[in-house]
Amino acid sequence: MSTPSRPWDATGYDASFGFVTAYGAPLLDLLGAAPGERVLDLGCGTGHQAAQLAAAGVRVLGVDGDAAMLDRARREHPGVAFAHADAQDEEALRAAAGPVPYDAVLSNAAMHWMPRQDAVVAGVAAVLRPGGRLVVEMGGVGNVARVTRAIRAARADVGLDPDVASPWTFPTPGEQASRLERHGFLVRMVALVDRTTPLADGVGAAGWAAMFGAGLVDDVPAPDRSAFDSAVDRHARSEGLDVRPDGEPGWWIDYVRLRFHAVRR
């Protein structure tokens, strides 16, 4: 997981938002890493998918830009290799990666935190062998649109600018395909995936915003925080996020994921 405007709460992330790893299972299938292959997990967060790969005999390195995430990853998975680097800095990524090239790069739920997308793709190309695979799932166009509207409305309620810049980058399939091709990749697949995502019991829209909202919530003054959180949940209810699409009560988030598979030429 790359670093937003402040450090991650790695413990809370694992405790309440384990769906991030769970929903990454299709990526591992798409990657199809064989025992002995070298794989770089880009934006590895707390390291659970890297550990799954290592358990399958893959030689994996998890790379992340957030020290708290990496500290937890190393505690939870002491037999897995991890390194700190900003994936948007090609030189730093190459230094963290160690001996290159890699057979594949995997990234789950991380690249939308990286505004310099071209720099990320260039860095990935630099560490992959010809024929190496890049398999990614990230936020795509339309991702978290409802909950973002709720957060912006809540900002207005407490006297803050509702139009503050988004902390995320959500490309279209066409934008990302063009970017990959510019950096020497052959695109095998790129698609948007609607993914209704239930939240854990006791976690509402405000709880999601506190973990993932970064620049949308970090400037809320402490005296206004309770009112802001209540407003986020209230506006999220008006967006229908408190009743799941199957009609069952419960909070959910309107994820739209951009999934792609590309091969370095």
C-alpha atoms as a PDB file:
ATOM      1  CA  MET A   1       0.000   0.000   0.000  1.00  0.00           C
ATOM      2  CA  SER A   2       1.512   3.295  -0.977  1.00  0.00           C
ATOM      3  CA  THR A   3       1.516   6.189   1.465  1.00  0.00           C
ATOM      4  CA  PRO A   4      -1.344   8.749   1.356  1.00  0.00           C
ATOM      5  CA  SER A   5      -1.043  12.122   3.082  1.00  0.00           C
ATOM      6  CA  ARG A   6      -0.369  10.505   6.492  1.00  0.00           C
ATOM      7  CA  PRO A   7       0.858   7.138   7.787  1.00  0.00           C
ATOM      8  CA  TRP A   8      -1.481   4.171   7.667  1.00  0.00           C
ATOM      9  CA  ASP A   9      -3.074   2.606  10.741  1.00  0.00           C
ATOM     10  CA  ALA A  10      -1.771  -0.860   9.887  1.00  0.00           C
ATOM     11  CA  THR A  11      -3.415  -2.571  12.873  1.00  0.00           C
ATOM     12  CA  GLY A  12      -6.845  -1.095  12.161  1.00  0.00           C
ATOM     13  CA  TYR A  13      -6.423  -1.867   8.480  1.00  0.00           C
ATOM     14  CA  ASP A  14      -5.984  -5.580   9.152  1.00  0.00           C
ATOM     15  CA  ALA A  15      -8.625  -5.688  11.887  1.00  0.00           C
ATOM     16  CA  SER A  16     -11.500  -4.041  10.010  1.00  0.00           C
ATOM     17  CA  PHE A  17     -10.622  -4.061   6.314  1.00  0.00           C
ATOM     18  CA  GLY A  18      -9.374  -7.570   5.638  1.00  0.00           C
ATOM     19  CA  PHE A  19     -11.508  -7.643   2.502  1.00  0.00           C
ATOM     20  CA  VAL A  20      -8.626  -5.945   0.673  1.00  0.00           C
ATOM     21  CA  THR A  21      -6.618  -9.159   0.819  1.00  0.00           C
ATOM     22  CA  ALA A  22      -9.625 -11.451   0.419  1.00  0.00           C
ATOM     23  CA  TYR A  23     -10.756  -9.761  -2.783  1.00  0.00           C
ATOM     24  CA  GLY A  24      -7.236 -10.051  -4.168  1.00  0.00           C
ATOM     25  CA  ALA A  25      -7.574 -13.820  -4.636  1.00  0.00           C
ATOM     26  CA  PRO A  26      -8.557 -13.544  -8.340  1.00  0.00           C
ATOM     27  CA  LEU A  27      -5.337 -11.616  -8.951  1.00  0.00           C
ATOM     28  CA  LEU A  28      -3.264 -14.510  -7.673  1.00  0.00           C
ATOM     29  CA  ASP A  29      -5.136 -16.805 -10.053  1.00  0.00           C
ATOM     30  CA  LEU A  30      -4.539 -14.400 -12.936  1.00  0.00           C
ATOM     31  CA  LEU A  31      -0.866 -14.121 -12.016  1.00  0.00           C
ATOM     32  CA  GLY A  32      -0.422 -17.893 -12.010  1.00  0.00           C
ATOM     33  CA  ALA A  33       2.993 -17.678 -10.369  1.00  0.00           C
ATOM     34  CA  ALA A  34       4.942 -20.939 -10.419  1.00  0.00           C
ATOM     35  CA  PRO A  35       7.218 -22.154  -7.628  1.00  0.00           C
ATOM     36  CA  GLY A  36      10.658 -20.645  -8.045  1.00  0.00           C
ATOM     37  CA  GLU A  37       9.490 -17.598  -9.991  1.00  0.00           C
ATOM     38  CA  ARG A  38      10.575 -14.171  -8.759  1.00  0.00           C
ATOM     39  CA  VAL A  39       7.612 -11.881  -8.061  1.00  0.00           C
ATOM     40  CA  LEU A  40       7.571  -8.309  -6.754  1.00  0.00           C
ATOM     41  CA  ASP A  41       4.429  -7.385  -4.796  1.00  0.00           C
ATOM     42  CA  LEU A  42       4.092  -3.635  -5.384  1.00  0.00           C
ATOM     43  CA  GLY A  43       2.278  -1.812  -2.577  1.00  0.00           C
ATOM     44  CA  CYS A  44       2.242  -4.978  -0.479  1.00  0.00           C
ATOM     45  CA  GLY A  45       0.696  -3.351   2.599  1.00  0.00           C
ATOM     46  CA  THR A  46       0.729  -5.705   5.577  1.00  0.00           C
ATOM     47  CA  GLY A  47       2.134  -8.485   3.437  1.00  0.00           C
ATOM     48  CA  HIS A  48      -0.601 -11.104   3.403  1.00  0.00           C
ATOM     49  CA  GLN A  49      -0.605 -11.718  -0.350  1.00  0.00           C
ATOM     50  CA  ALA A  50       3.183 -11.777  -0.435  1.00  0.00           C
ATOM     51  CA  ALA A  51       3.042 -14.433   2.285  1.00  0.00           C
ATOM     52  CA  GLN A  52       0.544 -16.477   0.257  1.00  0.00           C
ATOM     53  CA  LEU A  53       2.908 -16.411  -2.697  1.00  0.00           C
ATOM     54  CA  ALA A  54       5.884 -17.363  -0.528  1.00  0.00           C
ATOM     55  CA  ALA A  55       3.939 -20.298   0.911  1.00  0.00           C
ATOM     56  CA  ALA A  56       3.403 -21.529  -2.661  1.00  0.00           C
ATOM     57  CA  GLY A  57       7.139 -21.583  -3.311  1.00  0.00           C
ATOM     58  CA  VAL A  58       7.368 -18.241  -5.097  1.00  0.00           C
ATOM     59  CA  ARG A  59      10.433 -16.088  -4.430  1.00  0.00           C
ATOM     60  CA  VAL A  60       8.606 -12.903  -3.510  1.00  0.00           C
ATOM     61  CA  LEU A  61       9.641  -9.431  -2.403  1.00  0.00           C
ATOM     62  CA  GLY A  62       7.004  -7.116  -0.932  1.00  0.00           C
ATOM     63  CA  VAL A  63       7.615  -3.412  -1.536  1.00  0.00           C
ATOM     64  CA  ASP A  64       5.678  -0.587   0.099  1.00  0.00           C
ATOM     65  CA  GLY A  65       6.050   3.120   0.734  1.00  0.00           C
ATOM     66  CA  ASP A  66       4.547   3.103   4.236  1.00  0.00           C
ATOM     67  CA  ALA A  67       6.768   2.231   7.196  1.00  0.00           C
ATOM     68  CA  ALA A  68       3.884   1.228   9.496  1.00  0.00           C
ATOM     69  CA  MET A  69       2.549  -1.249   6.947  1.00  0.00           C
ATOM     70  CA  LEU A  70       5.996  -2.762   6.487  1.00  0.00           C
ATOM     71  CA  ASP A  71       6.600  -3.008  10.241  1.00  0.00           C
ATOM     72  CA  ARG A  72       3.428  -5.046  10.604  1.00  0.00           C
ATOM     73  CA  ALA A  73       4.228  -7.130   7.519  1.00  0.00           C
ATOM     74  CA  ARG A  74       7.631  -8.069   8.943  1.00  0.00           C
ATOM     75  CA  ARG A  75       6.137  -8.977  12.330  1.00  0.00           C
ATOM     76  CA  GLU A  76       3.338 -11.049  10.807  1.00  0.00           C
ATOM     77  CA  HIS A  77       5.443 -12.745   8.132  1.00  0.00           C
ATOM     78  CA  PRO A  78       9.048 -13.005   9.343  1.00  0.00           C
ATOM     79  CA  GLY A  79      10.023 -15.460   6.614  1.00  0.00           C
ATOM     80  CA  VAL A  80       9.072 -13.108   3.767  1.00  0.00           C
ATOM     81  CA  ALA A  81      11.330 -10.397   2.333  1.00  0.00           C
ATOM     82  CA  PHE A  82      10.078  -6.804   2.390  1.00  0.00           C
ATOM     83  CA  ALA A  83      11.607  -3.491   1.320  1.00  0.00           C
ATOM     84  CA  HIS A  84      10.685   0.188   1.593  1.00  0.00           C
ATOM     85  CA  ALA A  85      10.417   2.284  -1.574  1.00  0.00           C
ATOM     86  CA  ASP A  86       8.230   4.841  -3.297  1.00  0.00           C
ATOM     87  CA  ALA A  87       6.995   3.005  -6.391  1.00  0.00           C
ATOM     88  CA  GLN A  88       6.805   6.350  -8.208  1.00  0.00           C
ATOM     89  CA  ASP A  89      10.601   6.694  -8.016  1.00  0.00           C
ATOM     90  CA  GLU A  90      12.165   4.345 -10.578  1.00  0.00           C
ATOM     91  CA  GLU A  91      15.634   4.583  -9.075  1.00  0.00           C
ATOM     92  CA  ALA A  92      14.333   3.846  -5.566  1.00  0.00           C
ATOM     93  CA  LEU A  93      12.250   0.933  -6.832  1.00  0.00           C
ATOM     94  CA  ARG A  94      15.210  -0.579  -8.656  1.00  0.00           C
ATOM     95  CA  ALA A  95      17.379  -0.214  -5.552  1.00  0.00           C
ATOM     96  CA  ALA A  96      14.746  -1.877  -3.357  1.00  0.00           C
ATOM     97  CA  ALA A  97      14.145  -4.658  -5.872  1.00  0.00           C
ATOM     98  CA  GLY A  98      17.731  -5.858  -5.751  1.00  0.00           C
ATOM     99  CA  PRO A  99      18.891  -8.173  -8.522  1.00  0.00           C
ATOM    100  CA  VAL A 100      16.688  -7.869 -11.575  1.00  0.00           C
ATOM    101  CA  PRO A 101      14.857  -8.912 -13.635  1.00  0.00           C
ATOM    102  CA  TYR A 102      11.689 -10.306 -12.063  1.00  0.00           C
ATOM    103  CA  ASP A 103       9.300 -12.753 -13.694  1.00  0.00           C
ATOM    104  CA  ALA A 104       6.225 -10.840 -12.581  1.00  0.00           C
ATOM    105  CA  VAL A 105       4.939  -7.823 -10.677  1.00  0.00           C
ATOM    106  CA  LEU A 106       1.676  -7.998  -8.737  1.00  0.00           C
ATOM    107  CA  SER A 107      -0.173  -5.015  -7.273  1.00  0.00           C
ATOM    108  CA  ASN A 108      -3.483  -5.110  -5.409  1.00  0.00           C
ATOM    109  CA  ALA A 109      -5.390  -2.028  -4.208  1.00  0.00           C
ATOM    110  CA  ALA A 110      -2.316   0.197  -4.253  1.00  0.00           C
ATOM    111  CA  MET A 111      -1.719   1.939  -7.572  1.00  0.00           C
ATOM    112  CA  HIS A 112      -4.646   4.350  -7.187  1.00  0.00           C
ATOM    113  CA  TRP A 113      -2.637   5.967  -4.359  1.00  0.00           C
ATOM    114  CA  MET A 114       0.132   6.794  -6.833  1.00  0.00           C
ATOM    115  CA  PRO A 115      -0.642   9.922  -8.874  1.00  0.00           C
ATOM    116  CA  ARG A 116       2.487   9.583 -11.027  1.00  0.00           C
ATOM    117  CA  GLN A 117       1.152   6.578 -12.890  1.00  0.00           C
ATOM    118  CA  ASP A 118       3.611   6.838 -15.772  1.00  0.00           C
ATOM    119  CA  ALA A 119       6.514   6.759 -13.338  1.00  0.00           C
ATOM    120  CA  VAL A 120       5.107   3.640 -11.690  1.00  0.00           C
ATOM    121  CA  VAL A 121       4.691   1.794 -14.986  1.00  0.00           C
ATOM    122  CA  ALA A 122       8.172   2.845 -16.114  1.00  0.00           C
ATOM    123  CA  GLY A 123       9.642   1.519 -12.876  1.00  0.00           C
ATOM    124  CA  VAL A 124       7.810  -1.764 -13.241  1.00  0.00           C
ATOM    125  CA  ALA A 125       9.093  -2.129 -16.802  1.00  0.00           C
ATOM    126  CA  ALA A 126      12.617  -1.559 -15.503  1.00  0.00           C
ATOM    127  CA  VAL A 127      12.481  -4.484 -13.065  1.00  0.00           C
ATOM    128  CA  LEU A 128      10.659  -6.990 -15.309  1.00  0.00           C
ATOM    129  CA  ARG A 129      12.288  -9.342 -17.782  1.00  0.00           C
ATOM    130  CA  PRO A 130      11.058  -9.366 -21.396  1.00  0.00           C
ATOM    131  CA  GLY A 131       7.919 -11.485 -21.308  1.00  0.00           C
ATOM    132  CA  GLY A 132       7.431 -10.717 -17.615  1.00  0.00           C
ATOM    133  CA  ARG A 133       3.871 -10.186 -16.400  1.00  0.00           C
ATOM    134  CA  LEU A 134       2.245  -7.225 -14.704  1.00  0.00           C
ATOM    135  CA  VAL A 135      -1.025  -8.083 -12.943  1.00  0.00           C
ATOM    136  CA  VAL A 136      -2.861  -5.268 -11.174  1.00  0.00           C
ATOM    137  CA  GLU A 137      -6.149  -4.409  -9.532  1.00  0.00           C
ATOM    138  CA  MET A 138      -6.698  -0.780  -8.533  1.00  0.00           C
ATOM    139  CA  GLY A 139      -9.510   1.739  -8.376  1.00  0.00           C
ATOM    140  CA  GLY A 140     -10.963   2.556 -11.785  1.00  0.00           C
ATOM    141  CA  VAL A 141     -13.136   5.355 -13.086  1.00  0.00           C
ATOM    142  CA  GLY A 142     -16.290   5.604 -10.957  1.00  0.00           C
ATOM    143  CA  ASN A 143     -14.693   3.927  -7.945  1.00  0.00           C
ATOM    144  CA  VAL A 144     -16.187   4.903  -4.551  1.00  0.00           C
ATOM    145  CA  ALA A 145     -18.256   7.644  -6.203  1.00  0.00           C
ATOM    146  CA  ARG A 146     -21.163   7.419  -3.751  1.00  0.00           C
ATOM    147  CA  VAL A 147     -19.131   7.423  -0.566  1.00  0.00           C
ATOM    148  CA  THR A 148     -16.965  10.242  -1.928  1.00  0.00           C
ATOM    149  CA  ARG A 149     -20.070  12.365  -2.520  1.00  0.00           C
ATOM    150  CA  ALA A 150     -21.099  11.674   1.073  1.00  0.00           C
ATOM    151  CA  ILE A 151     -17.694  12.739   2.386  1.00  0.00           C
ATOM    152  CA  ARG A 152     -17.700  15.936   0.331  1.00  0.00           C
ATOM    153  CA  ALA A 153     -21.205  16.806   1.529  1.00  0.00           C
ATOM    154  CA  ALA A 154     -20.093  16.251   5.130  1.00  0.00           C
ATOM    155  CA  ARG A 155     -17.130  18.568   4.576  1.00  0.00           C
ATOM    156  CA  ALA A 156     -19.529  21.296   3.497  1.00  0.00           C
ATOM    157  CA  ASP A 157     -21.650  20.660   6.601  1.00  0.00           C
ATOM    158  CA  VAL A 158     -18.702  21.461   8.893  1.00  0.00           C
ATOM    159  CA  GLY A 159     -17.565  24.469   6.878  1.00  0.00           C
ATOM    160  CA  LEU A 160     -14.752  22.888   4.862  1.00  0.00           C
ATOM    161  CA  ASP A 161     -14.175  23.085   1.113  1.00  0.00           C
ATOM    162  CA  PRO A 162     -16.128  20.201  -0.426  1.00  0.00           C
ATOM    163  CA  ASP A 163     -14.100  20.382  -3.641  1.00  0.00           C
ATOM    164  CA  VAL A 164     -10.697  19.586  -2.142  1.00  0.00           C
ATOM    165  CA  ALA A 165      -8.540  17.474  -4.465  1.00  0.00           C
ATOM    166  CA  SER A 166      -9.098  13.732  -4.448  1.00  0.00           C
ATOM    167  CA  PRO A 167      -6.294  11.632  -2.944  1.00  0.00           C
ATOM    168  CA  TRP A 168      -6.804   8.941  -5.582  1.00  0.00           C
ATOM    169  CA  THR A 169      -6.180   8.316  -9.271  1.00  0.00           C
ATOM    170  CA  PHE A 170      -8.887   6.271 -11.011  1.00  0.00           C
ATOM    171  CA  PRO A 171      -8.047   5.742 -14.701  1.00  0.00           C
ATOM    172  CA  THR A 172     -10.322   4.486 -17.445  1.00  0.00           C
ATOM    173  CA  PRO A 173      -9.425   1.195 -19.148  1.00  0.00           C
ATOM    174  CA  GLY A 174      -8.405   3.128 -22.256  1.00  0.00           C
ATOM    175  CA  GLU A 175      -6.162   5.496 -20.328  1.00  0.00           C
ATOM    176  CA  GLN A 176      -4.365   2.674 -18.587  1.00  0.00           C
ATOM    177  CA  ALA A 177      -4.019   0.570 -21.731  1.00  0.00           C
ATOM    178  CA  SER A 178      -2.438   3.508 -23.563  1.00  0.00           C
ATOM    179  CA  ARG A 179      -0.079   4.118 -20.647  1.00  0.00           C
ATOM    180  CA  LEU A 180       1.032   0.496 -20.578  1.00  0.00           C
ATOM    181  CA  GLU A 181       1.643   0.457 -24.318  1.00  0.00           C
ATOM    182  CA  ARG A 182       3.712   3.653 -24.116  1.00  0.00           C
ATOM    183  CA  HIS A 183       6.023   1.945 -21.664  1.00  0.00           C
ATOM    184  CA  GLY A 184       6.574  -1.174 -23.709  1.00  0.00           C
ATOM    185  CA  PHE A 185       3.822  -3.494 -22.512  1.00  0.00           C
ATOM    186  CA  LEU A 186       1.506  -5.710 -24.524  1.00  0.00           C
ATOM    187  CA  VAL A 187      -1.933  -5.499 -22.896  1.00  0.00           C
ATOM    188  CA  ARG A 188      -3.529  -8.908 -22.498  1.00  0.00           C
ATOM    189  CA  MET A 189      -6.588  -7.757 -20.577  1.00  0.00           C
ATOM    190  CA  VAL A 190      -7.960  -4.558 -19.069  1.00  0.00           C
ATOM    191  CA  ALA A 191     -11.468  -4.233 -17.642  1.00  0.00           C
ATOM    192  CA  LEU A 192     -13.596  -2.524 -15.038  1.00  0.00           C
ATOM    193  CA  VAL A 193     -15.085  -4.796 -12.389  1.00  0.00           C
ATOM    194  CA  ASP A 194     -18.058  -3.638 -10.296  1.00  0.00           C
ATOM    195  CA  ARG A 195     -17.462  -4.929  -6.792  1.00  0.00           C
ATOM    196  CA  THR A 196     -20.041  -4.267  -4.130  1.00  0.00           C
ATOM    197  CA  THR A 197     -18.012  -4.564  -0.930  1.00  0.00           C
ATOM    198  CA  PRO A 198     -19.706  -5.127   2.452  1.00  0.00           C
ATOM    199  CA  LEU A 199     -18.018  -3.544   5.450  1.00  0.00           C
ATOM    200  CA  ALA A 200     -17.283  -5.382   8.676  1.00  0.00           C
ATOM    201  CA  ASP A 201     -19.878  -5.259  11.432  1.00  0.00           C
ATOM    202  CA  GLY A 202     -19.603  -2.012  13.348  1.00  0.00           C
ATOM    203  CA  VAL A 203     -17.840  -0.157  10.524  1.00  0.00           C
ATOM    204  CA  GLY A 204     -19.870   2.457   8.674  1.00  0.00           C
ATOM    205  CA  ALA A 205     -19.120   4.945   5.949  1.00  0.00           C
ATOM    206  CA  ALA A 206     -17.400   7.260   8.433  1.00  0.00           C
ATOM    207  CA  GLY A 207     -15.131   4.429   9.557  1.00  0.00           C
ATOM    208  CA  TRP A 208     -14.235   3.685   5.956  1.00  0.00           C
ATOM    209  CA  ALA A 209     -13.518   7.383   5.373  1.00  0.00           C
ATOM    210  CA  ALA A 210     -11.267   7.558   8.426  1.00  0.00           C
ATOM    211  CA  MET A 211      -9.132   4.707   7.064  1.00  0.00           C
ATOM    212  CA  PHE A 212      -9.130   5.458   3.334  1.00  0.00           C
ATOM    213  CA  GLY A 213     -10.219   9.097   2.995  1.00  0.00           C
ATOM    214  CA  ALA A 214      -6.736  10.586   3.428  1.00  0.00           C
ATOM    215  CA  GLY A 215      -6.818  14.152   2.065  1.00  0.00           C
ATOM    216  CA  LEU A 216     -10.618  14.268   2.202  1.00  0.00           C
ATOM    217  CA  VAL A 217     -10.754  13.923   5.993  1.00  0.00           C
ATOM    218  CA  ASP A 218      -7.348  14.774   7.449  1.00  0.00           C
ATOM    219  CA  ASP A 219      -8.031  18.497   7.796  1.00  0.00           C
ATOM    220  CA  VAL A 220     -11.251  18.091   9.803  1.00  0.00           C
ATOM    221  CA  PRO A 221     -10.644  19.917  13.124  1.00  0.00           C
ATOM    222  CA  ALA A 222     -10.815  17.687  16.189  1.00  0.00           C
ATOM    223  CA  PRO A 223     -13.779  19.599  17.708  1.00  0.00           C
ATOM    224  CA  ASP A 224     -15.767  18.980  14.497  1.00  0.00           C
ATOM    225  CA  ARG A 225     -14.866  15.325  14.071  1.00  0.00           C
ATOM    226  CA  SER A 226     -17.916  13.807  15.736  1.00  0.00           C
ATOM    227  CA  ALA A 227     -20.288  16.022  13.752  1.00  0.00           C
ATOM    228  CA  PHE A 228     -18.346  15.262  10.581  1.00  0.00           C
ATOM    229  CA  ASP A 229     -18.513  11.498  11.108  1.00  0.00           C
ATOM    230  CA  SER A 230     -22.247  11.691  11.766  1.00  0.00           C
ATOM    231  CA  ALA A 231     -22.678  13.742   8.606  1.00  0.00           C
ATOM    232  CA  VAL A 232     -20.695  11.236   6.525  1.00  0.00           C
ATOM    233  CA  ASP A 233     -22.949   8.403   7.678  1.00  0.00           C
ATOM    234  CA  ARG A 234     -26.078  10.502   7.158  1.00  0.00           C
ATOM    235  CA  HIS A 235     -25.143  11.437   3.603  1.00  0.00           C
ATOM    236  CA  ALA A 236     -24.020   7.872   2.890  1.00  0.00           C
ATOM    237  CA  ARG A 237     -27.472   6.660   3.919  1.00  0.00           C
ATOM    238  CA  SER A 238     -28.986   9.048   1.388  1.00  0.00           C
ATOM    239  CA  GLU A 239     -26.678   7.396  -1.190  1.00  0.00           C
ATOM    240  CA  GLY A 240     -28.100   3.993  -0.250  1.00  0.00           C
ATOM    241  CA  LEU A 241     -24.878   2.688   1.264  1.00  0.00           C
ATOM    242  CA  ASP A 242     -26.553   1.388   4.428  1.00  0.00           C
ATOM    243  CA  VAL A 243     -28.667  -1.209   2.584  1.00  0.00           C
ATOM    244  CA  ARG A 244     -26.793  -3.691   0.450  1.00  0.00           C
ATOM    245  CA  PRO A 245     -27.854  -4.277  -3.162  1.00  0.00           C
ATOM    246  CA  ASP A 246     -29.376  -7.645  -2.177  1.00  0.00           C
ATOM    247  CA  GLY A 247     -31.738  -5.768   0.165  1.00  0.00           C
ATOM    248  CA  GLU A 248     -30.038  -6.865   3.373  1.00  0.00           C
ATOM    249  CA  PRO A 249     -29.249  -4.142   5.926  1.00  0.00           C
ATOM    250  CA  GLY A 250     -25.579  -3.342   6.310  1.00  0.00           C
ATOM    251  CA  TRP A 251     -22.972  -0.873   5.165  1.00  0.00           C
ATOM    252  CA  TRP A 252     -21.221  -1.369   1.856  1.00  0.00           C
ATOM    253  CA  ILE A 253     -18.895   0.605  -0.419  1.00  0.00           C
ATOM    254  CA  ASP A 254     -19.332   1.096  -4.158  1.00  0.00           C
ATOM    255  CA  TYR A 255     -16.021  -0.180  -5.447  1.00  0.00           C
ATOM    256  CA  VAL A 256     -15.276  -0.213  -9.174  1.00  0.00           C
ATOM    257  CA  ARG A 257     -11.956  -1.907  -9.814  1.00  0.00           C
ATOM    258  CA  LEU A 258      -9.656  -1.613 -12.802  1.00  0.00           C
ATOM    259  CA  ARG A 259      -8.046  -4.993 -13.402  1.00  0.00           C
ATOM    260  CA  PHE A 260      -5.342  -5.508 -15.984  1.00  0.00           C
ATOM    261  CA  HIS A 261      -2.773  -8.014 -17.175  1.00  0.00           C
ATOM    262  CA  ALA A 262       0.099  -6.910 -19.385  1.00  0.00           C
ATOM    263  CA  VAL A 263       3.348  -8.430 -20.618  1.00  0.00           C
ATOM    264  CA  ARG A 264       6.622  -6.576 -21.038  1.00  0.00           C
ATOM    265  CA  ARG A 265       7.777  -6.699 -24.652  1.00  0.00           C
END
